[in-house]
Amino acid sequence: MYVIIDTNYLCHKAYYVFGNLSHDEVATGVIFGVLKDIAAIRERFDSDKIIFTFDKGKPRRCKLFKGYKKSRYDKTENATDEELATLNEFRKQVTKLEEKYLPSMGFRNIFSQKGFEADDIIASLCHDLKGEEIAIVSADKDLYQ
């Protein structure tokens, strides 16, 4: 069985649960939470065929539909310096997961594409893996389509 993970979903979930964790004044809550979730996912699905998907940059859908996630981007544009610093710290941890920690743990199926969201990549992977047993780990309502 393939397990496809919307890693951004896990990152956001970890941020709200473990966001204040740090080590030597470096934020670690997102990384800790995601690694904890990965261990539970591996155990639950008893699979080492794990695929990680990440959002990368502003979605191309924003160009096609000006109202797409507009409130989310308006909120970022009007954020305070403190909110922007928190967002940047969150993004640093997500990048470290994608580029450093997951590869160093031996994971090779790590996908992101500029302008695409994890759910876009998940849909593409499901198409490519047609006929295989697949579990998707996400809370993204776009996947219901």
Protein backbone atom coordinates (compact mmCIF):
# COMPACT_ATOMS: atom_id res chain seq x y z
CA MET A 1 0.00 0.00 0.00
CA TYR A 2 1.15 3.49 -0.84
CA VAL A 3 0.55 6.18 1.76
CA ILE A 4 0.44 9.68 0.27
CA ILE A 5 0.76 12.46 2.82
CA ASP A 6 -0.32 16.06 2.47
CA THR A 7 2.72 17.17 4.45
CA ASN A 8 1.58 20.78 4.67
CA TYR A 9 -1.52 19.53 6.48
CA LEU A 10 0.69 17.72 9.01
CA CYS A 11 2.86 20.85 9.36
CA HIS A 12 -0.10 23.10 10.14
CA LYS A 13 -1.53 20.57 12.57
CA ALA A 14 1.86 20.25 14.32
CA TYR A 15 2.23 24.02 14.50
CA TYR A 16 -1.03 24.39 16.43
CA VAL A 17 -0.18 21.53 18.78
CA PHE A 18 3.59 21.92 19.25
CA GLY A 19 4.25 25.40 17.85
CA ASN A 20 5.97 26.70 20.96
CA LEU A 21 8.58 23.95 21.18
CA SER A 22 12.18 24.97 20.62
CA HIS A 23 15.72 23.80 21.24
CA ASP A 24 18.53 26.28 21.86
CA GLU A 25 16.11 29.05 20.85
CA VAL A 26 15.43 27.42 17.48
CA ALA A 27 11.80 26.54 16.76
CA THR A 28 11.28 22.77 16.45
CA GLY A 29 7.55 22.25 17.09
CA VAL A 30 6.54 21.70 13.48
CA ILE A 31 9.39 19.28 12.82
CA PHE A 32 8.73 17.37 16.06
CA GLY A 33 5.01 17.11 15.41
CA VAL A 34 5.39 15.93 11.81
CA LEU A 35 8.00 13.30 12.70
CA LYS A 36 5.73 12.08 15.50
CA ASP A 37 2.83 11.82 13.02
CA ILE A 38 4.98 9.98 10.47
CA ALA A 39 5.84 7.33 13.06
CA ALA A 40 2.14 6.85 13.83
CA ILE A 41 1.22 6.74 10.12
CA ARG A 42 3.86 4.10 9.38
CA GLU A 43 2.56 1.98 12.23
CA ARG A 44 -1.11 2.43 11.35
CA PHE A 45 -0.73 1.56 7.68
CA ASP A 46 2.19 -0.87 8.12
CA SER A 47 3.84 0.53 5.00
CA ASP A 48 7.21 1.93 4.05
CA LYS A 49 5.83 3.17 0.70
CA ILE A 50 5.32 6.69 1.95
CA ILE A 51 5.07 9.67 -0.37
CA PHE A 52 5.31 13.25 0.91
CA THR A 53 3.68 16.13 -0.93
CA PHE A 54 4.22 19.83 -0.24
CA ASP A 55 2.65 23.10 -1.36
CA LYS A 56 5.16 25.30 -3.16
CA GLY A 57 4.62 29.03 -3.59
CA LYS A 58 1.42 30.82 -4.46
CA PRO A 59 -0.96 28.48 -6.30
CA ARG A 60 -1.42 28.95 -10.05
CA ARG A 61 -5.16 28.82 -9.36
CA CYS A 62 -4.85 32.37 -7.97
CA LYS A 63 -4.15 33.61 -11.50
CA LEU A 64 -7.11 31.69 -12.91
CA PHE A 65 -9.53 32.75 -10.20
CA LYS A 66 -8.75 36.02 -8.39
CA GLY A 67 -10.88 35.07 -5.40
CA TYR A 68 -9.08 31.76 -4.75
CA LYS A 69 -8.04 31.74 -1.07
CA LYS A 70 -8.16 35.53 -1.18
CA SER A 71 -8.88 35.92 2.52
CA ARG A 72 -5.82 33.82 3.36
CA TYR A 73 -3.54 35.98 1.21
CA ASP A 74 -5.17 39.23 2.40
CA LYS A 75 -4.48 38.14 5.96
CA THR A 76 -0.80 37.60 5.14
CA GLU A 77 -0.49 40.93 3.33
CA ASN A 78 -1.99 42.75 6.34
CA ALA A 79 -0.04 40.80 8.98
CA THR A 80 1.88 42.47 11.78
CA ASP A 81 5.66 42.12 11.99
CA GLU A 82 5.22 39.54 14.75
CA GLU A 83 2.76 37.50 12.66
CA LEU A 84 5.12 37.65 9.67
CA ALA A 85 8.03 36.49 11.84
CA THR A 86 5.94 33.54 13.06
CA LEU A 87 4.95 32.68 9.48
CA ASN A 88 8.58 32.85 8.32
CA GLU A 89 9.65 30.56 11.17
CA PHE A 90 6.91 28.12 10.21
CA ARG A 91 8.07 28.18 6.58
CA LYS A 92 11.70 27.57 7.63
CA GLN A 93 10.68 24.44 9.48
CA VAL A 94 8.62 23.18 6.53
CA THR A 95 11.60 23.75 4.21
CA LYS A 96 13.94 21.93 6.61
CA LEU A 97 11.56 18.97 6.66
CA GLU A 98 11.37 18.81 2.88
CA GLU A 99 15.00 19.46 2.05
CA LYS A 100 16.95 18.14 5.03
CA TYR A 101 15.21 15.91 7.56
CA LEU A 102 13.04 13.66 5.40
CA PRO A 103 15.85 12.94 2.91
CA SER A 104 18.32 12.31 5.75
CA MET A 105 15.89 9.73 7.16
CA GLY A 106 16.01 7.86 3.85
CA PHE A 107 12.75 9.10 2.34
CA ARG A 108 13.06 9.71 -1.40
CA ASN A 109 9.46 10.21 -2.49
CA ILE A 110 9.20 13.90 -1.67
CA PHE A 111 7.26 15.98 -4.18
CA SER A 112 6.60 19.68 -4.64
CA GLN A 113 6.16 21.86 -7.71
CA LYS A 114 6.17 25.63 -7.77
CA GLY A 115 2.65 26.98 -8.18
CA PHE A 116 0.97 23.75 -7.11
CA GLU A 117 -0.60 22.65 -3.87
CA ALA A 118 -0.14 19.26 -2.25
CA ASP A 119 -3.67 18.20 -3.26
CA ASP A 120 -2.79 18.80 -6.94
CA ILE A 121 0.26 16.57 -6.59
CA ILE A 122 -1.74 13.94 -4.70
CA ALA A 123 -4.29 13.80 -7.54
CA SER A 124 -1.52 13.37 -10.09
CA LEU A 125 0.14 10.63 -8.06
CA CYS A 126 -3.17 8.77 -7.65
CA HIS A 127 -3.59 8.89 -11.41
CA ASP A 128 -0.06 7.54 -11.91
CA LEU A 129 -0.60 4.80 -9.30
CA LYS A 130 -3.99 3.71 -10.68
CA GLY A 131 -4.65 0.11 -9.68
CA GLU A 132 -2.47 0.31 -6.57
CA GLU A 133 -3.85 0.41 -3.05
CA ILE A 134 -3.48 3.99 -1.78
CA ALA A 135 -4.21 5.75 1.51
CA ILE A 136 -4.25 9.55 1.56
CA VAL A 137 -3.47 11.43 4.76
CA SER A 138 -4.99 14.91 4.56
CA ALA A 139 -7.83 17.09 5.76
CA ASP A 140 -7.94 19.15 2.54
CA LYS A 141 -11.55 19.40 1.38
CA ASP A 142 -10.35 19.94 -2.21
CA LEU A 143 -9.56 16.22 -2.31
CA TYR A 144 -13.26 15.38 -2.05
CA GLN A 145 -13.51 16.36 -5.71
